[in-house]
Protein backbone atom coordinates (compact mmCIF):
# COMPACT_ATOMS: atom_id res chain seq x y z
CA MET A 1 -73.38 -193.30 271.10
CA THR A 2 -72.46 -191.04 274.03
CA ILE A 3 -69.84 -188.33 274.11
CA ALA A 4 -67.59 -190.66 276.09
CA GLU A 5 -67.76 -193.14 273.23
CA GLN A 6 -66.69 -190.54 270.68
CA ARG A 7 -63.17 -190.04 269.43
CA THR A 8 -60.69 -187.68 271.04
CA VAL A 9 -61.95 -184.86 268.82
CA SER A 10 -65.56 -184.57 267.73
CA ALA A 11 -68.04 -181.92 266.62
CA LEU A 12 -71.52 -181.01 267.85
CA HIS A 13 -74.17 -178.54 266.72
CA SER A 14 -74.69 -175.78 269.27
CA ALA A 15 -78.36 -176.74 269.69
CA GLY A 16 -77.14 -179.89 271.46
CA LEU A 17 -74.82 -178.17 273.93
CA GLN A 18 -77.16 -178.37 276.92
CA ALA A 19 -77.91 -182.05 276.25
CA ALA A 20 -74.16 -182.71 276.11
CA LEU A 21 -73.60 -180.87 279.38
CA ASP A 22 -76.44 -182.86 280.97
CA GLU A 23 -74.89 -186.12 279.76
CA LEU A 24 -71.49 -185.17 281.13
CA SER A 25 -73.04 -184.24 284.47
CA ILE A 26 -74.81 -187.59 284.73
CA THR A 27 -71.60 -189.47 283.97
CA ASP A 28 -69.60 -187.31 286.44
CA ALA A 29 -67.22 -186.14 283.73
CA VAL A 30 -65.61 -182.73 284.11
CA ALA A 31 -66.81 -180.27 281.46
CA LEU A 32 -64.52 -177.34 280.66
CA LEU A 33 -65.93 -174.62 278.41
CA ILE A 34 -64.23 -172.16 276.09
CA ASP A 35 -66.32 -169.42 274.50
CA GLY A 36 -64.89 -169.46 271.01
CA THR A 37 -67.18 -166.91 269.39
CA GLY A 38 -64.32 -164.41 269.26
CA VAL A 39 -61.54 -166.90 268.53
CA ARG A 40 -59.99 -166.17 265.13
CA ASP A 41 -56.37 -167.22 265.65
CA GLN A 42 -53.78 -168.38 268.20
CA ARG A 43 -53.75 -165.05 270.07
CA THR A 44 -57.51 -164.93 270.56
CA LEU A 45 -57.61 -168.62 271.54
CA MET A 46 -55.01 -167.93 274.25
CA GLU A 47 -57.14 -165.01 275.48
CA GLN A 48 -60.16 -167.29 275.79
CA ILE A 49 -58.16 -169.98 277.57
CA ARG A 50 -57.00 -167.35 280.08
CA SER A 51 -60.58 -166.08 280.50
CA ASN A 52 -62.47 -169.37 280.62
CA ILE A 53 -60.17 -171.97 282.18
CA ASP A 54 -58.98 -171.95 285.80
CA LEU A 55 -55.25 -171.92 285.16
CA ALA A 56 -54.39 -170.62 288.63
CA GLY A 57 -56.25 -173.55 290.19
CA ALA A 58 -53.99 -175.87 288.20
CA GLY A 59 -50.92 -173.90 289.28
CA VAL A 60 -49.92 -172.78 285.79
CA ASP A 61 -49.23 -169.48 284.12
CA PRO A 62 -51.29 -168.35 281.14
CA PRO A 63 -49.94 -169.89 277.92
CA SER A 64 -48.32 -167.72 275.30
CA GLY A 65 -47.77 -170.20 272.48
CA TRP A 66 -48.76 -173.63 271.26
CA ASP A 67 -46.24 -175.47 273.46
CA GLY A 68 -47.36 -173.40 276.43
CA LEU A 69 -50.98 -174.25 275.67
CA LYS A 70 -50.19 -177.96 275.63
CA ASP A 71 -48.35 -177.78 278.95
CA ALA A 72 -51.03 -175.60 280.56
CA MET A 73 -53.89 -177.83 279.43
CA TRP A 74 -52.07 -180.95 280.59
CA SER A 75 -51.79 -179.34 284.04
CA VAL A 76 -55.47 -178.32 283.98
CA VAL A 77 -56.56 -181.85 283.00
CA GLY A 78 -54.35 -183.40 285.67
CA ALA A 79 -55.66 -181.03 288.34
CA GLN A 80 -59.30 -182.06 287.79
CA GLN A 81 -59.03 -185.23 289.90
CA ASN A 82 -61.35 -187.00 287.49
CA ASP A 83 -60.73 -189.74 284.94
CA HIS A 84 -62.82 -188.07 282.20
CA VAL A 85 -62.38 -184.43 281.18
CA VAL A 86 -64.14 -182.88 278.17
CA LEU A 87 -63.27 -179.50 276.72
CA LEU A 88 -66.27 -178.01 274.89
CA TRP A 89 -65.14 -175.26 272.52
CA THR A 90 -68.29 -173.31 271.71
CA GLY A 91 -68.43 -171.01 268.71
CA ALA A 92 -65.88 -173.19 266.92
CA ASP A 93 -67.48 -172.26 263.61
CA THR A 94 -65.85 -168.82 263.97
CA ILE A 95 -62.27 -170.06 263.68
CA LEU A 96 -63.36 -172.71 261.18
CA GLY A 97 -64.56 -169.93 258.89
CA GLN A 98 -61.60 -167.60 259.45
CA SER A 99 -58.48 -169.67 259.98
CA LEU A 100 -58.67 -173.38 259.28
CA ALA A 101 -54.87 -173.65 259.63
CA GLU A 102 -54.96 -172.27 263.20
CA LEU A 103 -57.88 -174.57 264.07
CA LEU A 104 -55.95 -177.60 262.82
CA VAL A 105 -52.91 -176.68 264.92
CA ALA A 106 -55.12 -176.20 267.99
CA ILE A 107 -56.74 -179.61 267.39
CA GLU A 108 -53.27 -181.17 267.15
CA VAL A 109 -52.27 -179.55 270.45
CA PHE A 110 -55.39 -180.83 272.21
CA THR A 111 -54.83 -184.28 270.67
CA LEU A 112 -51.34 -184.29 272.21
CA VAL A 113 -52.86 -183.35 275.57
CA ALA A 114 -55.24 -186.31 275.21
CA ARG A 115 -52.38 -188.66 274.38
CA ASP A 116 -50.39 -187.47 277.38
CA ALA A 117 -53.43 -187.75 279.66
CA ARG A 118 -53.91 -191.39 278.59
CA THR A 119 -50.28 -192.33 279.15
CA ARG A 120 -49.17 -190.22 282.11
CA THR A 121 -50.35 -190.81 285.62
CA THR A 122 -52.26 -188.11 287.47
CA GLY A 123 -53.74 -188.26 290.96
CA VAL A 124 -56.55 -190.42 289.55
CA GLY A 125 -54.49 -192.45 287.09
CA ALA A 126 -54.93 -192.19 283.34
CA VAL A 127 -57.41 -189.55 282.17
CA ARG A 128 -59.68 -189.61 279.12
CA PHE A 129 -59.50 -186.11 277.62
CA GLN A 130 -61.73 -185.13 274.73
CA LEU A 131 -62.26 -182.01 272.67
CA VAL A 132 -65.76 -181.28 271.37
CA LEU A 133 -65.98 -178.50 268.80
CA VAL A 134 -69.41 -176.89 269.17
CA GLY A 135 -70.77 -174.64 266.44
CA ASP A 136 -73.46 -173.90 263.92
CA GLY A 137 -73.71 -175.05 260.34
CA PRO A 138 -73.60 -178.32 258.44
CA MET A 139 -70.14 -179.31 259.74
CA PHE A 140 -71.57 -179.72 263.26
CA PRO A 141 -73.87 -182.76 263.71
CA PRO A 142 -76.89 -182.69 266.04
CA TYR A 143 -76.69 -184.18 269.53
CA ASN A 144 -78.93 -187.08 268.57
CA MET A 145 -76.02 -188.35 266.46
CA PHE A 146 -74.30 -189.01 269.81
CA GLY A 147 -77.06 -190.57 271.86
């Protein structure tokens, strides 16, 4: 099973990150990366979004809250001019170990972005948006579980 065949939200062990990036490159999907090693809560997630995602290229201001994150990411996804966009959140085990509640809210926000991307029209039509949580530990399956 490929990443494209996975659900909207999935998990991957960090050892498989390069294989996932290679797969996405072959399929011409857009891969967006967030370095989540320092993400512990909403504030630090917003910092990483501002640092790792081209918000200016999408014509949006940096988000300051959950609603702002949803709107900003919808704009980023729509600006990609591609029908498949995957956000790879590396170091996701950090927030998993420190603030499960914040991680669950973030997942809900990205799930709403995916729903909007499927139902709203962008320059390329409907967009398949996925979130892949990448981390270490038993909660993150190896890449060969995908392919």
